[in-house]
Amino acid sequence: MVAGQQQRRQTLGALCLCAVVAGITLCVLHPTRAFAPLPQDGQAKQLQLQKLHSNVAPSTSVSAPAWGSSGAGAKDALGFQRSIRAGRMARNAMKLDLTGKVALIAGVADTSGYGWAIAKELANAGATIIIGTWPPVLKLFTMTLKKSATDEAKKLDDGSLMEIAKVYPLDAMFDVPEDVPEDVKANKRYAGVGPFTIQEVVDQVTKDYGKVDILVHSLANGPEVTKPLLETSRKGYLSASSASAYSLVSMVQRFAPIMPRGGSVISLSYIAAERTIPGYGGGMSSAKAQLESDTRTLAYEAGRKFGIRVNTISAGPLKSRAASAIGGDGEKTFIERAIDYSVANAPLAEPLYAEQVGTTALCLLTDLTAGVTGMTVYVDNGLHAMGQSLDSPAFEGIDM
């Protein structure tokens, strides 16, 4: 008995805690059937759910006053809740199996970004990984994956190499073939890649796998990102919104019908959605604000209609290949200055790593956070919480 309690405490100590904005959500994988029929009474519904979580098939219905209104009854109810919760956590603390789940990560074109890190975490858990890549870089990306130089980037926790089941050409600027303009159709960079609009990828994935359980939107592009908003053209602004925000709407709209209930969607945002970030222009800050707003609306609409969850991660700066392309002032790139600023001013004064976003995404994309939807979750070492810059001359000489 004592040994069992000690083992339980040790196992509970290994649990993953996911920080979700105002509170801490305890990450517990449970085998509950999605949207299982439950009693309508509030308290009875809660108790029935606890029994489902504990794999105990209720033999009789549980009425609301089952525990009684006395102090002893309340104590019994609390004891029951604790025993169920502790047993469930002990069984599943170190278990996360996504075998049989299909995860599509859209927007991966190299091994250095957040999308790649998310793919690796999902692969570590056993998910089948498929990727959507921008057509002009498709050939280069697939060739790179075959080189031994990428073996270290593909290495999973067990020492094996991540297997990408299939790479689809995907240009999320276009919903259906009729949307593709003639100049794109004639572009040599698109020649021979095959169907690449969102709906065409949906059709191909349906044919190949029959479903998508997990959808990751790791897409962002602003052709005028280096321009201040005051100098951004209408075309550049709308292009940023189309590629970086509406693409999420379109993908949820079109993939949701082939996602099982309980499926999950995640996108990647940035603090520029709510704070002014000089150098991040061309309408990209507006696009990120749209993305976060759309996340909340999609969570409601897709949740009610399809039973899936939609969240976004506001990630801190990372020196990925794409971010480095934003440019800078010659001395440092935009992303290098953003990282320096974060390290100097964030509560956790250290660089952010792609794996930290990957593990958070893993929580949000699985039953570890089955009750979380419509959220913007910050993974930025706490930078979003700061109201003043610690490296400002105003604080010079003060030990902060």
Foldseek 3Di string as FASTA:
>chain_A
DVVVVVLLVVLLVLADWFDFPPGIFGQFAFPADFPDDADPDDQQRVVCVLCSRLVHHDPDGQDNCNLHDDPNSVVVVVVVSVVSVSNRCSVGRPAAAPAPAEEEQEADQDLFALSNLQQQLVVLRHYAYEYEYAQLRVVVSVVVVVDPVCQVSQQHPVRDGRDHPYYAHAQLLAADPVRDDPVVVPDPSNPPRPDHYLLVVLVVCCVVRVAHQEYEAEWFDFPPQQDAQVPADPVRQVVRLSTQAVSVVSNCVRRLVSHAALGEYEYEAALLCPDPQPRRHSNNNVSRVNNLVVQLVCQVVSCVPRNYAGEYEHEAAGPGPVQQVSQPDVVHGSSVVSQVQLLQAAPNNDGAGSNQSSVSVVSRRHSSCSPDHSGHGYDRSRNSVDDDRCPDPVNPPPDD
